Amino acid sequence: MSVDSFHEAHEWIMSGPYNEIGYLYSGYITTNWMLAHVLVYERTWRNTISDPQFLVYTNYDYTPEGILYKVWVTPVSTVGVQEVRPEES
C-alpha cells in the first residue's frame, strides 16, 4: 500500500487495520512508515482518552526489500492481572 500523505494514511488505517488489530489480528506489518505511525498514534491516543484496552508495541526489521514496520497489541485485561476472588465464608 502506497500513501502520499498522513491524510491518506489515516483514512486507510481507520477504514480497516485500526478496527481489526486486537480483535481479528494481533498485529500489523507494513513497509510504509506513515501507516505504522498513524496506527500507533491512534491506538495510543485511544488509550489516553478512555480506559486502555490494549498495550501497543512496535518494532522494525531490515530486509533486502526495505524496512518492515511492525505494530502489535495485547489486551490490557490479560497482562499482569490476577483474578481476585472473594473469600469464602
PDB file of N, CA and C in Angstrom:
ATOM      1  N   MET A   1       0.850  -1.182   0.000  1.00  0.00           N
ATOM      2  CA  MET A   1       0.000   0.000   0.000  1.00  0.00           C
ATOM      3  C   MET A   1       0.886   1.232   0.000  1.00  0.00           C
ATOM      4  N   SER A   2       0.666   2.102  -0.934  1.00  0.00           N
ATOM      5  CA  SER A   2       1.435   3.331  -1.036  1.00  0.00           C
ATOM      6  C   SER A   2       0.526   4.517  -0.741  1.00  0.00           C
ATOM      7  N   VAL A   3       0.940   5.330   0.212  1.00  0.00           N
ATOM      8  CA  VAL A   3       0.201   6.547   0.524  1.00  0.00           C
ATOM      9  C   VAL A   3       1.170   7.720   0.428  1.00  0.00           C
ATOM     10  N   ASP A   4       0.642   8.874   0.078  1.00  0.00           N
ATOM     11  CA  ASP A   4       1.478  10.054  -0.119  1.00  0.00           C
ATOM     12  C   ASP A   4       1.313  11.111   0.958  1.00  0.00           C
ATOM     13  N   SER A   5       0.354  10.923   1.867  1.00  0.00           N
ATOM     14  CA  SER A   5       0.127  11.932   2.896  1.00  0.00           C
ATOM     15  C   SER A   5      -0.411  11.271   4.161  1.00  0.00           C
ATOM     16  N   PHE A   6      -0.330  12.002   5.259  1.00  0.00           N
ATOM     17  CA  PHE A   6      -0.891  11.491   6.508  1.00  0.00           C
ATOM     18  C   PHE A   6      -2.404  11.367   6.419  1.00  0.00           C
ATOM     19  N   HIS A   7      -3.029  12.226   5.641  1.00  0.00           N
ATOM     20  CA  HIS A   7      -4.483  12.120   5.471  1.00  0.00           C
ATOM     21  C   HIS A   7      -4.842  10.784   4.828  1.00  0.00           C
ATOM     22  N   GLU A   8      -4.144  10.409   3.768  1.00  0.00           N
ATOM     23  CA  GLU A   8      -4.390   9.113   3.123  1.00  0.00           C
ATOM     24  C   GLU A   8      -4.087   7.969   4.077  1.00  0.00           C
ATOM     25  N   ALA A   9      -2.988   8.085   4.824  1.00  0.00           N
ATOM     26  CA  ALA A   9      -2.625   7.037   5.782  1.00  0.00           C
ATOM     27  C   ALA A   9      -3.702   6.897   6.853  1.00  0.00           C
ATOM     28  N   HIS A  10      -4.207   8.018   7.336  1.00  0.00           N
ATOM     29  CA  HIS A  10      -5.253   7.991   8.358  1.00  0.00           C
ATOM     30  C   HIS A  10      -6.517   7.334   7.813  1.00  0.00           C
ATOM     31  N   GLU A  11      -6.913   7.699   6.611  1.00  0.00           N
ATOM     32  CA  GLU A  11      -8.109   7.105   6.003  1.00  0.00           C
ATOM     33  C   GLU A  11      -7.948   5.595   5.836  1.00  0.00           C
ATOM     34  N   TRP A  12      -6.779   5.161   5.397  1.00  0.00           N
ATOM     35  CA  TRP A  12      -6.537   3.732   5.184  1.00  0.00           C
ATOM     36  C   TRP A  12      -6.554   2.975   6.515  1.00  0.00           C
ATOM     37  N   ILE A  13      -5.844   3.482   7.502  1.00  0.00           N
ATOM     38  CA  ILE A  13      -5.757   2.798   8.800  1.00  0.00           C
ATOM     39  C   ILE A  13      -7.117   2.754   9.481  1.00  0.00           C
ATOM     40  N   MET A  14      -7.850   3.854   9.486  1.00  0.00           N
ATOM     41  CA  MET A  14      -9.132   3.895  10.193  1.00  0.00           C
ATOM     42  C   MET A  14     -10.217   3.095   9.479  1.00  0.00           C
ATOM     43  N   SER A  15     -10.041   2.798   8.199  1.00  0.00           N
ATOM     44  CA  SER A  15     -11.052   2.028   7.481  1.00  0.00           C
ATOM     45  C   SER A  15     -10.859   0.524   7.618  1.00  0.00           C
ATOM     46  N   GLY A  16      -9.769   0.089   8.218  1.00  0.00           N
ATOM     47  CA  GLY A  16      -9.547  -1.350   8.312  1.00  0.00           C
ATOM     48  C   GLY A  16      -8.682  -1.768   9.482  1.00  0.00           C
ATOM     49  N   PRO A  17      -7.365  -1.604   9.372  1.00  0.00           N
ATOM     50  CA  PRO A  17      -6.463  -2.134  10.393  1.00  0.00           C
ATOM     51  C   PRO A  17      -6.751  -1.655  11.815  1.00  0.00           C
ATOM     52  N   TYR A  18      -7.146  -0.413  11.995  1.00  0.00           N
ATOM     53  CA  TYR A  18      -7.417   0.090  13.346  1.00  0.00           C
ATOM     54  C   TYR A  18      -8.511  -0.724  14.026  1.00  0.00           C
ATOM     55  N   ASN A  19      -9.560  -1.041  13.289  1.00  0.00           N
ATOM     56  CA  ASN A  19     -10.683  -1.782  13.865  1.00  0.00           C
ATOM     57  C   ASN A  19     -10.421  -3.275  13.968  1.00  0.00           C
ATOM     58  N   GLU A  20      -9.451  -3.787  13.228  1.00  0.00           N
ATOM     59  CA  GLU A  20      -9.184  -5.218  13.214  1.00  0.00           C
ATOM     60  C   GLU A  20      -8.087  -5.628  14.182  1.00  0.00           C
ATOM     61  N   ILE A  21      -7.112  -4.746  14.420  1.00  0.00           N
ATOM     62  CA  ILE A  21      -5.997  -5.112  15.283  1.00  0.00           C
ATOM     63  C   ILE A  21      -6.489  -5.263  16.721  1.00  0.00           C
ATOM     64  N   GLY A  22      -6.172  -6.379  17.298  1.00  0.00           N
ATOM     65  CA  GLY A  22      -6.622  -6.685  18.648  1.00  0.00           C
ATOM     66  C   GLY A  22      -7.887  -7.519  18.680  1.00  0.00           C
ATOM     67  N   TYR A  23      -8.600  -7.569  17.592  1.00  0.00           N
ATOM     68  CA  TYR A  23      -9.843  -8.348  17.524  1.00  0.00           C
ATOM     69  C   TYR A  23      -9.709  -9.493  16.522  1.00  0.00           C
ATOM     70  N   LEU A  24      -9.426  -9.177  15.264  1.00  0.00           N
ATOM     71  CA  LEU A  24      -9.220 -10.218  14.252  1.00  0.00           C
ATOM     72  C   LEU A  24      -7.753 -10.609  14.148  1.00  0.00           C
ATOM     73  N   TYR A  25      -6.868  -9.630  14.325  1.00  0.00           N
ATOM     74  CA  TYR A  25      -5.432  -9.854  14.204  1.00  0.00           C
ATOM     75  C   TYR A  25      -4.732  -9.243  15.412  1.00  0.00           C
ATOM     76  N   SER A  26      -3.578  -9.802  15.765  1.00  0.00           N
ATOM     77  CA  SER A  26      -2.839  -9.241  16.897  1.00  0.00           C
ATOM     78  C   SER A  26      -1.847  -8.172  16.462  1.00  0.00           C
ATOM     79  N   GLY A  27      -1.585  -8.064  15.159  1.00  0.00           N
ATOM     80  CA  GLY A  27      -0.619  -7.079  14.719  1.00  0.00           C
ATOM     81  C   GLY A  27      -0.781  -6.681  13.272  1.00  0.00           C
ATOM     82  N   TYR A  28       0.091  -5.768  12.852  1.00  0.00           N
ATOM     83  CA  TYR A  28       0.050  -5.219  11.501  1.00  0.00           C
ATOM     84  C   TYR A  28       1.485  -4.974  11.059  1.00  0.00           C
ATOM     85  N   ILE A  29       1.826  -5.406   9.854  1.00  0.00           N
ATOM     86  CA  ILE A  29       3.161  -5.211   9.293  1.00  0.00           C
ATOM     87  C   ILE A  29       3.019  -4.445   7.986  1.00  0.00           C
ATOM     88  N   THR A  30       3.858  -3.432   7.816  1.00  0.00           N
ATOM     89  CA  THR A  30       3.809  -2.620   6.600  1.00  0.00           C
ATOM     90  C   THR A  30       5.204  -2.118   6.259  1.00  0.00           C
ATOM     91  N   THR A  31       5.408  -1.775   5.007  1.00  0.00           N
ATOM     92  CA  THR A  31       6.659  -1.144   4.595  1.00  0.00           C
ATOM     93  C   THR A  31       6.526   0.373   4.576  1.00  0.00           C
ATOM     94  N   ASN A  32       5.339   0.875   4.845  1.00  0.00           N
ATOM     95  CA  ASN A  32       5.091   2.312   4.807  1.00  0.00           C
ATOM     96  C   ASN A  32       5.117   2.877   6.227  1.00  0.00           C
ATOM     97  N   TRP A  33       6.077   3.730   6.500  1.00  0.00           N
ATOM     98  CA  TRP A  33       6.220   4.263   7.849  1.00  0.00           C
ATOM     99  C   TRP A  33       5.029   5.120   8.261  1.00  0.00           C
ATOM    100  N   MET A  34       4.373   5.786   7.301  1.00  0.00           N
ATOM    101  CA  MET A  34       3.222   6.628   7.649  1.00  0.00           C
ATOM    102  C   MET A  34       2.060   5.787   8.170  1.00  0.00           C
ATOM    103  N   LEU A  35       1.828   4.624   7.574  1.00  0.00           N
ATOM    104  CA  LEU A  35       0.752   3.749   8.051  1.00  0.00           C
ATOM    105  C   LEU A  35       1.040   3.278   9.471  1.00  0.00           C
ATOM    106  N   ALA A  36       2.283   2.866   9.727  1.00  0.00           N
ATOM    107  CA  ALA A  36       2.650   2.423  11.074  1.00  0.00           C
ATOM    108  C   ALA A  36       2.511   3.571  12.071  1.00  0.00           C
ATOM    109  N   HIS A  37       2.965   4.742  11.686  1.00  0.00           N
ATOM    110  CA  HIS A  37       2.899   5.915  12.558  1.00  0.00           C
ATOM    111  C   HIS A  37       1.452   6.239  12.942  1.00  0.00           C
ATOM    112  N   VAL A  38       0.570   6.274  11.961  1.00  0.00           N
ATOM    113  CA  VAL A  38      -0.833   6.605  12.224  1.00  0.00           C
ATOM    114  C   VAL A  38      -1.473   5.544  13.111  1.00  0.00           C
ATOM    115  N   LEU A  39      -1.190   4.270  12.870  1.00  0.00           N
ATOM    116  CA  LEU A  39      -1.772   3.205  13.683  1.00  0.00           C
ATOM    117  C   LEU A  39      -1.313   3.303  15.134  1.00  0.00           C
ATOM    118  N   VAL A  40      -0.029   3.525  15.355  1.00  0.00           N
ATOM    119  CA  VAL A  40       0.480   3.677  16.727  1.00  0.00           C
ATOM    120  C   VAL A  40      -0.124   4.913  17.382  1.00  0.00           C
ATOM    121  N   TYR A  41      -0.165   6.017  16.666  1.00  0.00           N
ATOM    122  CA  TYR A  41      -0.732   7.247  17.217  1.00  0.00           C
ATOM    123  C   TYR A  41      -2.188   7.048  17.631  1.00  0.00           C
ATOM    124  N   GLU A  42      -2.999   6.480  16.752  1.00  0.00           N
ATOM    125  CA  GLU A  42      -4.426   6.317  17.045  1.00  0.00           C
ATOM    126  C   GLU A  42      -4.665   5.349  18.199  1.00  0.00           C
ATOM    127  N   ARG A  43      -3.924   4.251  18.245  1.00  0.00           N
ATOM    128  CA  ARG A  43      -4.087   3.291  19.348  1.00  0.00           C
ATOM    129  C   ARG A  43      -3.645   3.911  20.673  1.00  0.00           C
ATOM    130  N   THR A  44      -2.548   4.651  20.666  1.00  0.00           N
ATOM    131  CA  THR A  44      -2.066   5.302  21.887  1.00  0.00           C
ATOM    132  C   THR A  44      -3.023   6.401  22.313  1.00  0.00           C
ATOM    133  N   TRP A  45      -3.517   7.171  21.374  1.00  0.00           N
ATOM    134  CA  TRP A  45      -4.475   8.238  21.684  1.00  0.00           C
ATOM    135  C   TRP A  45      -5.734   7.655  22.303  1.00  0.00           C
ATOM    136  N   ARG A  46      -6.230   6.548  21.754  1.00  0.00           N
ATOM    137  CA  ARG A  46      -7.432   5.906  22.300  1.00  0.00           C
ATOM    138  C   ARG A  46      -7.189   5.466  23.746  1.00  0.00           C
ATOM    139  N   ASN A  47      -5.987   5.000  24.052  1.00  0.00           N
ATOM    140  CA  ASN A  47      -5.662   4.589  25.419  1.00  0.00           C
ATOM    141  C   ASN A  47      -5.633   5.768  26.383  1.00  0.00           C
ATOM    142  N   THR A  48      -5.364   6.973  25.892  1.00  0.00           N
ATOM    143  CA  THR A  48      -5.264   8.123  26.788  1.00  0.00           C
ATOM    144  C   THR A  48      -6.596   8.818  27.024  1.00  0.00           C
ATOM    145  N   ILE A  49      -7.571   8.664  26.110  1.00  0.00           N
ATOM    146  CA  ILE A  49      -8.849   9.354  26.297  1.00  0.00           C
ATOM    147  C   ILE A  49      -9.904   8.471  26.949  1.00  0.00           C
ATOM    148  N   SER A  50      -9.619   7.187  27.084  1.00  0.00           N
ATOM    149  CA  SER A  50     -10.567   6.280  27.730  1.00  0.00           C
ATOM    150  C   SER A  50      -9.769   5.198  28.443  1.00  0.00           C
ATOM    151  N   ASP A  51     -10.459   4.262  29.047  1.00  0.00           N
ATOM    152  CA  ASP A  51      -9.762   3.166  29.705  1.00  0.00           C
ATOM    153  C   ASP A  51      -8.946   2.401  28.671  1.00  0.00           C
ATOM    154  N   PRO A  52      -7.662   2.174  28.962  1.00  0.00           N
ATOM    155  CA  PRO A  52      -6.826   1.448  27.996  1.00  0.00           C
ATOM    156  C   PRO A  52      -7.364   0.043  27.734  1.00  0.00           C
ATOM    157  N   GLN A  53      -7.449  -0.324  26.465  1.00  0.00           N
ATOM    158  CA  GLN A  53      -7.886  -1.662  26.083  1.00  0.00           C
ATOM    159  C   GLN A  53      -6.716  -2.530  25.655  1.00  0.00           C
ATOM    160  N   PHE A  54      -5.695  -1.921  25.065  1.00  0.00           N
ATOM    161  CA  PHE A  54      -4.564  -2.671  24.536  1.00  0.00           C
ATOM    162  C   PHE A  54      -3.253  -1.987  24.893  1.00  0.00           C
ATOM    163  N   LEU A  55      -2.221  -2.799  25.130  1.00  0.00           N
ATOM    164  CA  LEU A  55      -0.865  -2.280  25.184  1.00  0.00           C
ATOM    165  C   LEU A  55      -0.338  -2.303  23.757  1.00  0.00           C
ATOM    166  N   VAL A  56       0.313  -1.242  23.344  1.00  0.00           N
ATOM    167  CA  VAL A  56       0.773  -1.098  21.966  1.00  0.00           C
ATOM    168  C   VAL A  56       2.285  -1.300  21.922  1.00  0.00           C
ATOM    169  N   TYR A  57       2.742  -2.137  20.999  1.00  0.00           N
ATOM    170  CA  TYR A  57       4.163  -2.427  20.828  1.00  0.00           C
ATOM    171  C   TYR A  57       4.564  -2.136  19.386  1.00  0.00           C
ATOM    172  N   THR A  58       5.828  -1.778  19.210  1.00  0.00           N
ATOM    173  CA  THR A  58       6.345  -1.534  17.862  1.00  0.00           C
ATOM    174  C   THR A  58       7.728  -2.152  17.715  1.00  0.00           C
ATOM    175  N   ASN A  59       8.092  -2.422  16.489  1.00  0.00           N
ATOM    176  CA  ASN A  59       9.420  -2.918  16.162  1.00  0.00           C
ATOM    177  C   ASN A  59       9.619  -2.735  14.662  1.00  0.00           C
ATOM    178  N   TYR A  60      10.807  -2.994  14.193  1.00  0.00           N
ATOM    179  CA  TYR A  60      11.074  -2.937  12.760  1.00  0.00           C
ATOM    180  C   TYR A  60      12.155  -3.951  12.424  1.00  0.00           C
ATOM    181  N   ASP A  61      12.161  -4.400  11.193  1.00  0.00           N
ATOM    182  CA  ASP A  61      13.170  -5.322  10.669  1.00  0.00           C
ATOM    183  C   ASP A  61      13.709  -4.764   9.369  1.00  0.00           C
ATOM    184  N   TYR A  62      15.036  -4.865   9.216  1.00  0.00           N
ATOM    185  CA  TYR A  62      15.650  -4.513   7.943  1.00  0.00           C
ATOM    186  C   TYR A  62      15.637  -5.742   7.051  1.00  0.00           C
ATOM    187  N   THR A  63      15.156  -5.594   5.837  1.00  0.00           N
ATOM    188  CA  THR A  63      15.144  -6.678   4.858  1.00  0.00           C
ATOM    189  C   THR A  63      15.774  -6.157   3.570  1.00  0.00           C
ATOM    190  N   PRO A  64      16.119  -7.051   2.653  1.00  0.00           N
ATOM    191  CA  PRO A  64      16.665  -6.575   1.370  1.00  0.00           C
ATOM    192  C   PRO A  64      15.690  -5.671   0.603  1.00  0.00           C
ATOM    193  N   GLU A  65      14.391  -5.852   0.836  1.00  0.00           N
ATOM    194  CA  GLU A  65      13.388  -5.033   0.151  1.00  0.00           C
ATOM    195  C   GLU A  65      13.157  -3.686   0.824  1.00  0.00           C
ATOM    196  N   GLY A  66      13.611  -3.523   2.051  1.00  0.00           N
ATOM    197  CA  GLY A  66      13.400  -2.279   2.792  1.00  0.00           C
ATOM    198  C   GLY A  66      13.103  -2.565   4.256  1.00  0.00           C
ATOM    199  N   ILE A  67      12.555  -1.598   4.930  1.00  0.00           N
ATOM    200  CA  ILE A  67      12.242  -1.731   6.354  1.00  0.00           C
ATOM    201  C   ILE A  67      10.802  -2.202   6.509  1.00  0.00           C
ATOM    202  N   LEU A  68      10.609  -3.206   7.360  1.00  0.00           N
ATOM    203  CA  LEU A  68       9.260  -3.660   7.724  1.00  0.00           C
ATOM    204  C   LEU A  68       8.930  -3.078   9.088  1.00  0.00           C
ATOM    205  N   TYR A  69       7.877  -2.299   9.165  1.00  0.00           N
ATOM    206  CA  TYR A  69       7.421  -1.717  10.418  1.00  0.00           C
ATOM    207  C   TYR A  69       6.345  -2.624  11.002  1.00  0.00           C
ATOM    208  N   LYS A  70       6.483  -2.951  12.291  1.00  0.00           N
ATOM    209  CA  LYS A  70       5.549  -3.873  12.938  1.00  0.00           C
ATOM    210  C   LYS A  70       4.854  -3.177  14.102  1.00  0.00           C
ATOM    211  N   VAL A  71       3.556  -3.345  14.172  1.00  0.00           N
ATOM    212  CA  VAL A  71       2.751  -2.813  15.274  1.00  0.00           C
ATOM    213  C   VAL A  71       1.888  -3.963  15.754  1.00  0.00           C
ATOM    214  N   TRP A  72       1.892  -4.230  17.063  1.00  0.00           N
ATOM    215  CA  TRP A  72       1.015  -5.260  17.592  1.00  0.00           C
ATOM    216  C   TRP A  72       0.517  -4.848  18.964  1.00  0.00           C
ATOM    217  N   VAL A  73      -0.539  -5.491  19.392  1.00  0.00           N
ATOM    218  CA  VAL A  73      -1.173  -5.139  20.658  1.00  0.00           C
ATOM    219  C   VAL A  73      -1.454  -6.392  21.471  1.00  0.00           C
ATOM    220  N   THR A  74      -1.566  -6.189  22.781  1.00  0.00           N
ATOM    221  CA  THR A  74      -2.051  -7.236  23.680  1.00  0.00           C
ATOM    222  C   THR A  74      -3.132  -6.609  24.552  1.00  0.00           C
ATOM    223  N   PRO A  75      -4.177  -7.351  24.833  1.00  0.00           N
ATOM    224  CA  PRO A  75      -5.243  -6.806  25.683  1.00  0.00           C
ATOM    225  C   PRO A  75      -4.718  -6.484  27.079  1.00  0.00           C
ATOM    226  N   VAL A  76      -5.123  -5.361  27.617  1.00  0.00           N
ATOM    227  CA  VAL A  76      -4.699  -4.955  28.955  1.00  0.00           C
ATOM    228  C   VAL A  76      -5.204  -5.943  29.998  1.00  0.00           C
ATOM    229  N   SER A  77      -6.393  -6.484  29.809  1.00  0.00           N
ATOM    230  CA  SER A  77      -7.009  -7.350  30.811  1.00  0.00           C
ATOM    231  C   SER A  77      -6.240  -8.639  31.048  1.00  0.00           C
ATOM    232  N   THR A  78      -5.384  -9.075  30.122  1.00  0.00           N
ATOM    233  CA  THR A  78      -4.660 -10.328  30.308  1.00  0.00           C
ATOM    234  C   THR A  78      -3.194 -10.123  30.627  1.00  0.00           C
ATOM    235  N   VAL A  79      -2.748  -8.902  30.758  1.00  0.00           N
ATOM    236  CA  VAL A  79      -1.346  -8.630  31.010  1.00  0.00           C
ATOM    237  C   VAL A  79      -1.146  -8.311  32.480  1.00  0.00           C
ATOM    238  N   GLY A  80      -0.553  -9.225  33.221  1.00  0.00           N
ATOM    239  CA  GLY A  80      -0.216  -8.992  34.611  1.00  0.00           C
ATOM    240  C   GLY A  80      -1.385  -8.801  35.550  1.00  0.00           C
ATOM    241  N   VAL A  81      -2.553  -9.230  35.178  1.00  0.00           N
ATOM    242  CA  VAL A  81      -3.727  -9.075  36.028  1.00  0.00           C
ATOM    243  C   VAL A  81      -4.063 -10.423  36.641  1.00  0.00           C
ATOM    244  N   GLN A  82      -4.184 -10.430  37.947  1.00  0.00           N
ATOM    245  CA  GLN A  82      -4.569 -11.657  38.635  1.00  0.00           C
ATOM    246  C   GLN A  82      -6.033 -11.568  38.997  1.00  0.00           C
ATOM    247  N   GLU A  83      -6.696 -12.685  38.851  1.00  0.00           N
ATOM    248  CA  GLU A  83      -8.113 -12.725  39.189  1.00  0.00           C
ATOM    249  C   GLU A  83      -8.272 -12.649  40.698  1.00  0.00           C
ATOM    250  N   VAL A  84      -9.153 -11.782  41.149  1.00  0.00           N
ATOM    251  CA  VAL A  84      -9.410 -11.623  42.578  1.00  0.00           C
ATOM    252  C   VAL A  84     -10.748 -12.274  42.881  1.00  0.00           C
ATOM    253  N   ARG A  85     -10.714 -13.224  43.808  1.00  0.00           N
ATOM    254  CA  ARG A  85     -11.944 -13.921  44.184  1.00  0.00           C
ATOM    255  C   ARG A  85     -12.304 -13.541  45.613  1.00  0.00           C
ATOM    256  N   PRO A  86     -13.586 -13.358  45.870  1.00  0.00           N
ATOM    257  CA  PRO A  86     -13.988 -13.072  47.246  1.00  0.00           C
ATOM    258  C   PRO A  86     -13.695 -14.278  48.131  1.00  0.00           C
ATOM    259  N   GLU A  87     -13.312 -13.979  49.340  1.00  0.00           N
ATOM    260  CA  GLU A  87     -13.001 -15.077  50.259  1.00  0.00           C
ATOM    261  C   GLU A  87     -14.269 -15.819  50.634  1.00  0.00           C
ATOM    262  N   GLU A  88     -14.115 -17.132  50.726  1.00  0.00           N
ATOM    263  CA  GLU A  88     -15.266 -17.955  51.088  1.00  0.00           C
ATOM    264  C   GLU A  88     -15.484 -17.897  52.586  1.00  0.00           C
ATOM    265  N   SER A  89     -16.730 -17.917  52.997  1.00  0.00           N
ATOM    266  CA  SER A  89     -17.061 -17.850  54.424  1.00  0.00           C
ATOM    267  C   SER A  89     -17.076 -19.213  55.041  1.00  0.00           C
TER     268      SER A  89
END
